[in-house]
Amino acid sequence: MVSAWSELKNAQKKTPDAGNGTRVGLKPGFKTTKRARGVNPASRMKLHKAKLAATREIILETAGLSPYERRITELLKVQREKRALRFAKRRLGSFIRAKKKRELMSTMMRKQAAKKK
């Protein structure tokens, strides 16, 4: 079975894209031209979307904060940034997501304080 799998694997190997037309040497293989590739869908997902941001803003205005977000804001009000970060990390599962959420909550609190003045 193992020898059959290795033979199958070797049969499926392709020649390198940047061949110079020779059978042996530094770049053996058939001459080909590189095609322009489209944008990777995963890269497209990273782009900022104005429509999505507007929708989230409307939802936040109507529904308000979720309970864990309220707790993070309470911790930030009493100057417990590190504790807020740890709490957010437990709820969100990732340190980077927790840092983003803490920054988002602190900027939201600053905006609300500026509105009241």
C-alpha atoms as a PDB file:
ATOM      1  CA  MET A   1       0.000   0.000   0.000  1.00  0.00           C
ATOM      2  CA  VAL A   2       2.764   2.442   0.921  1.00  0.00           C
ATOM      3  CA  SER A   3       4.661   1.871  -2.313  1.00  0.00           C
ATOM      4  CA  ALA A   4       1.460   2.354  -4.322  1.00  0.00           C
ATOM      5  CA  TRP A   5       0.747   5.624  -2.534  1.00  0.00           C
ATOM      6  CA  SER A   6       4.268   6.939  -3.164  1.00  0.00           C
ATOM      7  CA  GLU A   7       4.002   6.005  -6.850  1.00  0.00           C
ATOM      8  CA  LEU A   8       0.674   7.787  -7.094  1.00  0.00           C
ATOM      9  CA  LYS A   9       2.098  10.835  -5.346  1.00  0.00           C
ATOM     10  CA  ASN A  10       5.101  10.971  -7.679  1.00  0.00           C
ATOM     11  CA  ALA A  11       2.864  10.607 -10.761  1.00  0.00           C
ATOM     12  CA  GLN A  12       0.878  13.698  -9.741  1.00  0.00           C
ATOM     13  CA  LYS A  13       3.926  15.992  -9.419  1.00  0.00           C
ATOM     14  CA  LYS A  14       3.876  18.933 -11.813  1.00  0.00           C
ATOM     15  CA  THR A  15       6.774  20.562 -13.590  1.00  0.00           C
ATOM     16  CA  PRO A  16       7.804  23.952 -12.201  1.00  0.00           C
ATOM     17  CA  ASP A  17       6.047  26.987 -13.665  1.00  0.00           C
ATOM     18  CA  ALA A  18       9.197  28.922 -14.537  1.00  0.00           C
ATOM     19  CA  GLY A  19      10.725  26.441 -16.957  1.00  0.00           C
ATOM     20  CA  ASN A  20      13.233  27.491 -19.635  1.00  0.00           C
ATOM     21  CA  GLY A  21      12.407  24.758 -22.144  1.00  0.00           C
ATOM     22  CA  THR A  22      15.196  22.328 -21.253  1.00  0.00           C
ATOM     23  CA  ARG A  23      14.875  18.816 -19.873  1.00  0.00           C
ATOM     24  CA  VAL A  24      17.770  19.228 -17.417  1.00  0.00           C
ATOM     25  CA  GLY A  25      19.489  22.128 -15.706  1.00  0.00           C
ATOM     26  CA  LEU A  26      18.544  24.792 -13.222  1.00  0.00           C
ATOM     27  CA  LYS A  27      14.976  25.379 -14.446  1.00  0.00           C
ATOM     28  CA  PRO A  28      13.814  22.319 -16.389  1.00  0.00           C
ATOM     29  CA  GLY A  29      10.295  22.151 -17.689  1.00  0.00           C
ATOM     30  CA  PHE A  30       7.857  23.514 -20.211  1.00  0.00           C
ATOM     31  CA  LYS A  31       7.906  27.273 -20.847  1.00  0.00           C
ATOM     32  CA  THR A  32       4.841  28.918 -19.385  1.00  0.00           C
ATOM     33  CA  THR A  33       3.604  32.432 -18.787  1.00  0.00           C
ATOM     34  CA  LYS A  34       2.351  33.524 -15.379  1.00  0.00           C
ATOM     35  CA  ARG A  35      -1.352  34.301 -15.224  1.00  0.00           C
ATOM     36  CA  ALA A  36      -2.669  37.192 -13.188  1.00  0.00           C
ATOM     37  CA  ARG A  37      -4.482  35.760 -10.213  1.00  0.00           C
ATOM     38  CA  GLY A  38      -7.616  37.197  -8.739  1.00  0.00           C
ATOM     39  CA  VAL A  39      -7.930  38.561  -5.244  1.00  0.00           C
ATOM     40  CA  ASN A  40      -8.021  35.909  -2.553  1.00  0.00           C
ATOM     41  CA  PRO A  41     -11.461  35.829  -0.880  1.00  0.00           C
ATOM     42  CA  ALA A  42      -9.838  35.763   2.572  1.00  0.00           C
ATOM     43  CA  SER A  43      -8.024  39.004   1.743  1.00  0.00           C
ATOM     44  CA  ARG A  44     -11.262  40.546   0.552  1.00  0.00           C
ATOM     45  CA  MET A  45     -12.900  39.753   3.899  1.00  0.00           C
ATOM     46  CA  LYS A  46     -10.345  41.937   5.728  1.00  0.00           C
ATOM     47  CA  LEU A  47     -11.428  45.100   3.910  1.00  0.00           C
ATOM     48  CA  HIS A  48     -13.436  47.721   5.792  1.00  0.00           C
ATOM     49  CA  LYS A  49     -17.100  47.693   4.823  1.00  0.00           C
ATOM     50  CA  ALA A  50     -19.027  50.939   5.292  1.00  0.00           C
ATOM     51  CA  LYS A  51     -22.452  49.290   5.004  1.00  0.00           C
ATOM     52  CA  LEU A  52     -21.606  46.741   7.698  1.00  0.00           C
ATOM     53  CA  ALA A  53     -20.236  49.454  10.012  1.00  0.00           C
ATOM     54  CA  ALA A  54     -23.432  51.499   9.596  1.00  0.00           C
ATOM     55  CA  THR A  55     -25.582  48.435  10.351  1.00  0.00           C
ATOM     56  CA  ARG A  56     -23.604  47.633  13.489  1.00  0.00           C
ATOM     57  CA  GLU A  57     -23.883  51.236  14.659  1.00  0.00           C
ATOM     58  CA  ILE A  58     -27.679  51.195  14.265  1.00  0.00           C
ATOM     59  CA  ILE A  59     -27.925  47.887  16.134  1.00  0.00           C
ATOM     60  CA  LEU A  60     -25.762  49.261  18.938  1.00  0.00           C
ATOM     61  CA  GLU A  61     -27.978  52.347  19.233  1.00  0.00           C
ATOM     62  CA  THR A  62     -31.214  50.356  19.345  1.00  0.00           C
ATOM     63  CA  ALA A  63     -30.239  47.254  21.328  1.00  0.00           C
ATOM     64  CA  GLY A  64     -27.473  48.684  23.497  1.00  0.00           C
ATOM     65  CA  LEU A  65     -24.480  46.827  24.865  1.00  0.00           C
ATOM     66  CA  SER A  66     -24.408  43.141  25.630  1.00  0.00           C
ATOM     67  CA  PRO A  67     -23.961  42.132  29.291  1.00  0.00           C
ATOM     68  CA  TYR A  68     -20.255  41.322  28.965  1.00  0.00           C
ATOM     69  CA  GLU A  69     -19.639  44.660  27.223  1.00  0.00           C
ATOM     70  CA  ARG A  70     -21.417  46.442  30.079  1.00  0.00           C
ATOM     71  CA  ARG A  71     -19.158  44.666  32.545  1.00  0.00           C
ATOM     72  CA  ILE A  72     -16.063  45.715  30.573  1.00  0.00           C
ATOM     73  CA  THR A  73     -17.213  49.348  30.641  1.00  0.00           C
ATOM     74  CA  GLU A  74     -17.816  49.123  34.401  1.00  0.00           C
ATOM     75  CA  LEU A  75     -14.304  47.761  34.907  1.00  0.00           C
ATOM     76  CA  LEU A  76     -12.870  50.540  32.746  1.00  0.00           C
ATOM     77  CA  LYS A  77     -14.789  53.182  34.745  1.00  0.00           C
ATOM     78  CA  VAL A  78     -13.054  52.096  37.947  1.00  0.00           C
ATOM     79  CA  GLN A  79      -9.609  52.069  36.255  1.00  0.00           C
ATOM     80  CA  ARG A  80      -9.258  48.269  36.047  1.00  0.00           C
ATOM     81  CA  GLU A  81      -7.875  48.043  32.482  1.00  0.00           C
ATOM     82  CA  LYS A  82      -5.932  44.856  33.077  1.00  0.00           C
ATOM     83  CA  ARG A  83      -8.915  43.142  34.686  1.00  0.00           C
ATOM     84  CA  ALA A  84     -11.133  44.280  31.797  1.00  0.00           C
ATOM     85  CA  LEU A  85      -8.639  42.809  29.344  1.00  0.00           C
ATOM     86  CA  ARG A  86      -8.571  39.475  31.163  1.00  0.00           C
ATOM     87  CA  PHE A  87     -12.365  39.369  31.316  1.00  0.00           C
ATOM     88  CA  ALA A  88     -12.660  40.174  27.600  1.00  0.00           C
ATOM     89  CA  LYS A  89     -10.071  37.523  26.759  1.00  0.00           C
ATOM     90  CA  ARG A  90     -12.085  34.877  28.576  1.00  0.00           C
ATOM     91  CA  ARG A  91     -15.288  35.892  26.829  1.00  0.00           C
ATOM     92  CA  LEU A  92     -13.871  36.374  23.329  1.00  0.00           C
ATOM     93  CA  GLY A  93     -11.262  33.605  23.320  1.00  0.00           C
ATOM     94  CA  SER A  94      -8.311  35.566  21.964  1.00  0.00           C
ATOM     95  CA  PHE A  95      -5.931  38.163  23.406  1.00  0.00           C
ATOM     96  CA  ILE A  96      -5.945  40.245  20.208  1.00  0.00           C
ATOM     97  CA  ARG A  97      -9.758  40.275  20.056  1.00  0.00           C
ATOM     98  CA  ALA A  98      -9.830  41.258  23.738  1.00  0.00           C
ATOM     99  CA  LYS A  99      -7.449  44.172  23.165  1.00  0.00           C
ATOM    100  CA  LYS A 100      -9.576  45.409  20.259  1.00  0.00           C
ATOM    101  CA  LYS A 101     -12.757  45.139  22.321  1.00  0.00           C
ATOM    102  CA  ARG A 102     -11.188  46.988  25.270  1.00  0.00           C
ATOM    103  CA  GLU A 103     -10.049  49.802  22.989  1.00  0.00           C
ATOM    104  CA  LEU A 104     -13.478  49.928  21.341  1.00  0.00           C
ATOM    105  CA  MET A 105     -15.215  50.167  24.727  1.00  0.00           C
ATOM    106  CA  SER A 106     -12.821  52.860  25.991  1.00  0.00           C
ATOM    107  CA  THR A 107     -13.268  54.985  22.847  1.00  0.00           C
ATOM    108  CA  MET A 108     -17.032  54.573  23.116  1.00  0.00           C
ATOM    109  CA  MET A 109     -16.913  55.739  26.738  1.00  0.00           C
ATOM    110  CA  ARG A 110     -14.811  58.781  25.723  1.00  0.00           C
ATOM    111  CA  LYS A 111     -17.317  59.671  22.986  1.00  0.00           C
ATOM    112  CA  GLN A 112     -20.225  59.404  25.444  1.00  0.00           C
ATOM    113  CA  ALA A 113     -18.375  61.618  27.951  1.00  0.00           C
ATOM    114  CA  ALA A 114     -17.682  64.188  25.217  1.00  0.00           C
ATOM    115  CA  LYS A 115     -21.387  64.185  24.217  1.00  0.00           C
ATOM    116  CA  LYS A 116     -22.478  64.911  27.798  1.00  0.00           C
ATOM    117  CA  LYS A 117     -20.261  68.019  28.009  1.00  0.00           C
END
